[in-house]
Amino acid sequence: MAPQRKTLQVRMPVPLYRHAKQVVDEEIEEISSVNEFIVRAIKEKLKRINEAKIDAAFSGMGTDEKYLRTTGQISHEFATSDWQAFKVSEEK
């Protein structure tokens, strides 16, 4: 089933439109229309925004005392098995 589409009118500066149209016309990338160009650009921007949100959510981990204490404990608990795995991998 094809995704639903919403038709809308977009106003943009003429030089920006001309540049996008030039990219489409010159087949610089596999983009079939200015509409597709706009949709791709919005998708890429939304992806970057979402990635920034995720990064922001995790940014506090480096200063969170409880998190740092917990990860330190886990690291200590696995130190022996990590060393054994390292030794085995070096022998190959």
N, C-alpha and C. Protein backbone atom coordinates (compact mmCIF):
# COMPACT_ATOMS: atom_id res chain seq x y z
N MET A 1 0.84 -1.18 0.00
CA MET A 1 0.00 0.00 0.00
C MET A 1 0.89 1.24 0.00
N ALA A 2 0.64 2.12 -0.93
CA ALA A 2 1.44 3.34 -1.05
C ALA A 2 1.13 4.29 0.11
N PRO A 3 2.16 5.02 0.57
CA PRO A 3 1.92 5.96 1.66
C PRO A 3 0.99 7.07 1.22
N GLN A 4 0.22 7.57 2.17
CA GLN A 4 -0.67 8.68 1.85
C GLN A 4 0.17 9.91 1.53
N ARG A 5 -0.37 10.75 0.70
CA ARG A 5 0.33 11.97 0.30
C ARG A 5 -0.51 13.18 0.67
N LYS A 6 0.16 14.26 0.99
CA LYS A 6 -0.49 15.53 1.28
C LYS A 6 0.05 16.53 0.28
N THR A 7 -0.84 17.18 -0.44
CA THR A 7 -0.44 18.19 -1.40
C THR A 7 -0.41 19.55 -0.69
N LEU A 8 0.68 20.28 -0.92
CA LEU A 8 0.77 21.61 -0.34
C LEU A 8 1.53 22.52 -1.28
N GLN A 9 1.39 23.78 -1.04
CA GLN A 9 2.08 24.77 -1.86
C GLN A 9 3.27 25.26 -1.06
N VAL A 10 4.42 25.34 -1.71
CA VAL A 10 5.63 25.79 -1.04
C VAL A 10 6.12 27.05 -1.72
N ARG A 11 6.43 28.04 -0.92
CA ARG A 11 7.03 29.26 -1.45
C ARG A 11 8.51 29.24 -1.07
N MET A 12 9.36 29.49 -2.06
CA MET A 12 10.80 29.53 -1.78
C MET A 12 11.42 30.62 -2.64
N PRO A 13 12.56 31.11 -2.22
CA PRO A 13 13.25 32.12 -3.03
C PRO A 13 13.58 31.56 -4.42
N VAL A 14 13.43 32.39 -5.41
CA VAL A 14 13.64 31.98 -6.80
C VAL A 14 15.04 31.39 -7.00
N PRO A 15 16.11 32.00 -6.47
CA PRO A 15 17.44 31.40 -6.67
C PRO A 15 17.54 29.98 -6.09
N LEU A 16 16.89 29.75 -4.97
CA LEU A 16 16.90 28.42 -4.37
C LEU A 16 16.18 27.42 -5.27
N TYR A 17 15.03 27.82 -5.80
CA TYR A 17 14.29 26.95 -6.71
C TYR A 17 15.13 26.66 -7.96
N ARG A 18 15.74 27.69 -8.51
CA ARG A 18 16.54 27.50 -9.73
C ARG A 18 17.71 26.54 -9.49
N HIS A 19 18.32 26.66 -8.33
CA HIS A 19 19.44 25.79 -8.02
C HIS A 19 18.96 24.34 -7.88
N ALA A 20 17.85 24.14 -7.18
CA ALA A 20 17.28 22.79 -7.04
C ALA A 20 16.91 22.23 -8.41
N LYS A 21 16.27 23.05 -9.23
CA LYS A 21 15.85 22.63 -10.58
C LYS A 21 17.07 22.26 -11.41
N GLN A 22 18.16 23.01 -11.27
CA GLN A 22 19.39 22.72 -12.00
C GLN A 22 19.93 21.35 -11.60
N VAL A 23 19.91 21.04 -10.32
CA VAL A 23 20.38 19.73 -9.85
C VAL A 23 19.55 18.62 -10.47
N VAL A 24 18.23 18.82 -10.50
CA VAL A 24 17.34 17.82 -11.09
C VAL A 24 17.60 17.69 -12.58
N ASP A 25 17.67 18.82 -13.29
CA ASP A 25 17.85 18.80 -14.74
C ASP A 25 19.20 18.21 -15.17
N GLU A 26 20.24 18.48 -14.36
CA GLU A 26 21.57 17.98 -14.72
C GLU A 26 21.80 16.56 -14.24
N GLU A 27 20.79 15.99 -13.59
CA GLU A 27 20.87 14.62 -13.08
C GLU A 27 22.12 14.40 -12.24
N ILE A 28 22.44 15.39 -11.41
CA ILE A 28 23.59 15.31 -10.52
C ILE A 28 23.41 14.15 -9.54
N GLU A 29 22.19 13.96 -9.10
CA GLU A 29 21.81 12.81 -8.29
C GLU A 29 20.57 12.21 -8.93
N GLU A 30 20.22 11.01 -8.50
CA GLU A 30 19.02 10.38 -9.05
C GLU A 30 17.79 10.96 -8.39
N ILE A 31 17.45 12.17 -8.82
CA ILE A 31 16.27 12.87 -8.32
C ILE A 31 15.43 13.23 -9.53
N SER A 32 14.18 12.79 -9.52
CA SER A 32 13.35 12.93 -10.71
C SER A 32 12.60 14.27 -10.80
N SER A 33 12.50 14.99 -9.69
CA SER A 33 11.73 16.25 -9.72
C SER A 33 12.14 17.13 -8.55
N VAL A 34 11.78 18.39 -8.63
CA VAL A 34 12.03 19.30 -7.52
C VAL A 34 11.22 18.85 -6.31
N ASN A 35 10.04 18.33 -6.53
CA ASN A 35 9.22 17.80 -5.43
C ASN A 35 9.99 16.70 -4.68
N GLU A 36 10.55 15.76 -5.42
CA GLU A 36 11.32 14.68 -4.78
C GLU A 36 12.53 15.26 -4.05
N PHE A 37 13.16 16.27 -4.64
CA PHE A 37 14.30 16.93 -4.01
C PHE A 37 13.89 17.51 -2.65
N ILE A 38 12.76 18.18 -2.61
CA ILE A 38 12.27 18.79 -1.38
C ILE A 38 11.95 17.72 -0.34
N VAL A 39 11.28 16.65 -0.76
CA VAL A 39 10.92 15.57 0.17
C VAL A 39 12.19 14.95 0.75
N ARG A 40 13.18 14.68 -0.08
CA ARG A 40 14.43 14.10 0.41
C ARG A 40 15.12 15.03 1.39
N ALA A 41 15.13 16.32 1.06
CA ALA A 41 15.79 17.30 1.93
C ALA A 41 15.09 17.36 3.29
N ILE A 42 13.78 17.31 3.30
CA ILE A 42 13.05 17.33 4.57
C ILE A 42 13.34 16.07 5.36
N LYS A 43 13.36 14.92 4.70
CA LYS A 43 13.67 13.66 5.38
C LYS A 43 15.05 13.71 6.02
N GLU A 44 16.04 14.21 5.28
CA GLU A 44 17.40 14.30 5.81
C GLU A 44 17.46 15.23 7.01
N LYS A 45 16.77 16.36 6.92
CA LYS A 45 16.77 17.32 8.03
C LYS A 45 16.09 16.71 9.26
N LEU A 46 14.97 16.03 9.08
CA LEU A 46 14.28 15.39 10.20
C LEU A 46 15.15 14.31 10.83
N LYS A 47 15.88 13.58 10.01
CA LYS A 47 16.78 12.55 10.53
C LYS A 47 17.85 13.19 11.42
N ARG A 48 18.43 14.32 10.97
CA ARG A 48 19.45 15.00 11.76
C ARG A 48 18.87 15.54 13.06
N ILE A 49 17.64 16.05 13.01
CA ILE A 49 16.98 16.55 14.22
C ILE A 49 16.78 15.41 15.21
N ASN A 50 16.29 14.27 14.73
CA ASN A 50 16.07 13.12 15.60
C ASN A 50 17.37 12.61 16.20
N GLU A 51 18.43 12.57 15.40
CA GLU A 51 19.73 12.14 15.91
C GLU A 51 20.23 13.11 16.98
N ALA A 52 20.00 14.40 16.78
CA ALA A 52 20.42 15.40 17.78
C ALA A 52 19.63 15.21 19.08
N LYS A 53 18.35 14.86 18.98
CA LYS A 53 17.55 14.60 20.17
C LYS A 53 18.11 13.41 20.94
N ILE A 54 18.46 12.36 20.22
CA ILE A 54 19.02 11.16 20.86
C ILE A 54 20.36 11.50 21.51
N ASP A 55 21.20 12.23 20.80
CA ASP A 55 22.49 12.63 21.36
C ASP A 55 22.29 13.45 22.63
N ALA A 56 21.33 14.36 22.62
CA ALA A 56 21.06 15.19 23.80
C ALA A 56 20.58 14.34 24.97
N ALA A 57 19.76 13.34 24.67
CA ALA A 57 19.25 12.47 25.73
C ALA A 57 20.38 11.68 26.39
N PHE A 58 21.40 11.32 25.63
CA PHE A 58 22.52 10.54 26.17
C PHE A 58 23.66 11.42 26.69
N SER A 59 23.63 12.71 26.41
CA SER A 59 24.75 13.57 26.76
C SER A 59 24.99 13.65 28.27
N GLY A 60 23.95 13.51 29.05
CA GLY A 60 24.10 13.58 30.50
C GLY A 60 24.74 12.38 31.12
N MET A 61 24.88 11.30 30.37
CA MET A 61 25.43 10.07 30.93
C MET A 61 26.86 10.25 31.42
N GLY A 62 27.63 11.10 30.77
CA GLY A 62 29.03 11.29 31.13
C GLY A 62 29.24 11.97 32.47
N THR A 63 28.21 12.60 32.99
CA THR A 63 28.32 13.29 34.27
C THR A 63 27.36 12.73 35.32
N ASP A 64 26.61 11.72 34.96
CA ASP A 64 25.65 11.11 35.88
C ASP A 64 26.40 10.15 36.82
N GLU A 65 26.52 10.55 38.09
CA GLU A 65 27.29 9.76 39.05
C GLU A 65 26.78 8.33 39.19
N LYS A 66 25.47 8.16 39.26
CA LYS A 66 24.90 6.82 39.42
C LYS A 66 25.23 5.95 38.21
N TYR A 67 25.07 6.50 37.01
CA TYR A 67 25.39 5.77 35.79
C TYR A 67 26.87 5.39 35.75
N LEU A 68 27.73 6.36 36.05
CA LEU A 68 29.16 6.09 36.03
C LEU A 68 29.56 5.03 37.06
N ARG A 69 28.97 5.08 38.23
CA ARG A 69 29.25 4.08 39.26
C ARG A 69 28.81 2.69 38.79
N THR A 70 27.60 2.62 38.21
CA THR A 70 27.06 1.34 37.74
C THR A 70 27.92 0.76 36.62
N THR A 71 28.29 1.59 35.65
CA THR A 71 29.11 1.08 34.54
C THR A 71 30.49 0.69 35.02
N GLY A 72 31.00 1.40 36.02
CA GLY A 72 32.29 1.02 36.60
C GLY A 72 32.22 -0.35 37.26
N GLN A 73 31.14 -0.61 37.98
CA GLN A 73 30.95 -1.90 38.63
C GLN A 73 30.84 -3.02 37.59
N ILE A 74 30.06 -2.78 36.56
CA ILE A 74 29.89 -3.78 35.51
C ILE A 74 31.22 -4.07 34.82
N SER A 75 31.97 -3.01 34.54
CA SER A 75 33.27 -3.17 33.90
C SER A 75 34.20 -4.00 34.79
N HIS A 76 34.19 -3.71 36.06
CA HIS A 76 35.02 -4.47 37.01
C HIS A 76 34.62 -5.94 37.04
N GLU A 77 33.31 -6.21 37.03
CA GLU A 77 32.81 -7.59 37.09
C GLU A 77 33.19 -8.39 35.84
N PHE A 78 33.32 -7.72 34.72
CA PHE A 78 33.63 -8.42 33.46
C PHE A 78 35.12 -8.36 33.12
N ALA A 79 35.92 -7.75 33.96
CA ALA A 79 37.34 -7.56 33.64
C ALA A 79 38.04 -8.87 33.35
N THR A 80 37.80 -9.88 34.18
CA THR A 80 38.48 -11.17 33.99
C THR A 80 38.06 -11.83 32.68
N SER A 81 36.77 -11.88 32.42
CA SER A 81 36.31 -12.52 31.18
C SER A 81 36.73 -11.72 29.96
N ASP A 82 36.77 -10.37 30.06
CA ASP A 82 37.26 -9.55 28.95
C ASP A 82 38.72 -9.86 28.66
N TRP A 83 39.53 -10.01 29.72
CA TRP A 83 40.95 -10.32 29.55
C TRP A 83 41.13 -11.69 28.90
N GLN A 84 40.34 -12.65 29.35
CA GLN A 84 40.43 -14.00 28.78
C GLN A 84 40.04 -13.98 27.30
N ALA A 85 39.00 -13.25 26.96
CA ALA A 85 38.57 -13.16 25.56
C ALA A 85 39.65 -12.47 24.73
N PHE A 86 40.27 -11.44 25.29
CA PHE A 86 41.34 -10.76 24.58
C PHE A 86 42.51 -11.71 24.31
N LYS A 87 42.91 -12.47 25.32
CA LYS A 87 44.03 -13.42 25.16
C LYS A 87 43.71 -14.45 24.07
N VAL A 88 42.50 -14.97 24.08
CA VAL A 88 42.10 -15.96 23.07
C VAL A 88 42.14 -15.35 21.68
N SER A 89 41.68 -14.12 21.55
CA SER A 89 41.67 -13.48 20.24
C SER A 89 43.08 -13.19 19.74
N GLU A 90 44.00 -12.91 20.64
CA GLU A 90 45.39 -12.67 20.27
C GLU A 90 46.11 -13.94 19.83
N GLU A 91 45.64 -15.09 20.32
CA GLU A 91 46.27 -16.34 19.97
C GLU A 91 45.92 -16.82 18.57
N LYS A 92 44.89 -16.27 18.00
CA LYS A 92 44.43 -16.70 16.66
C LYS A 92 45.24 -16.09 15.56
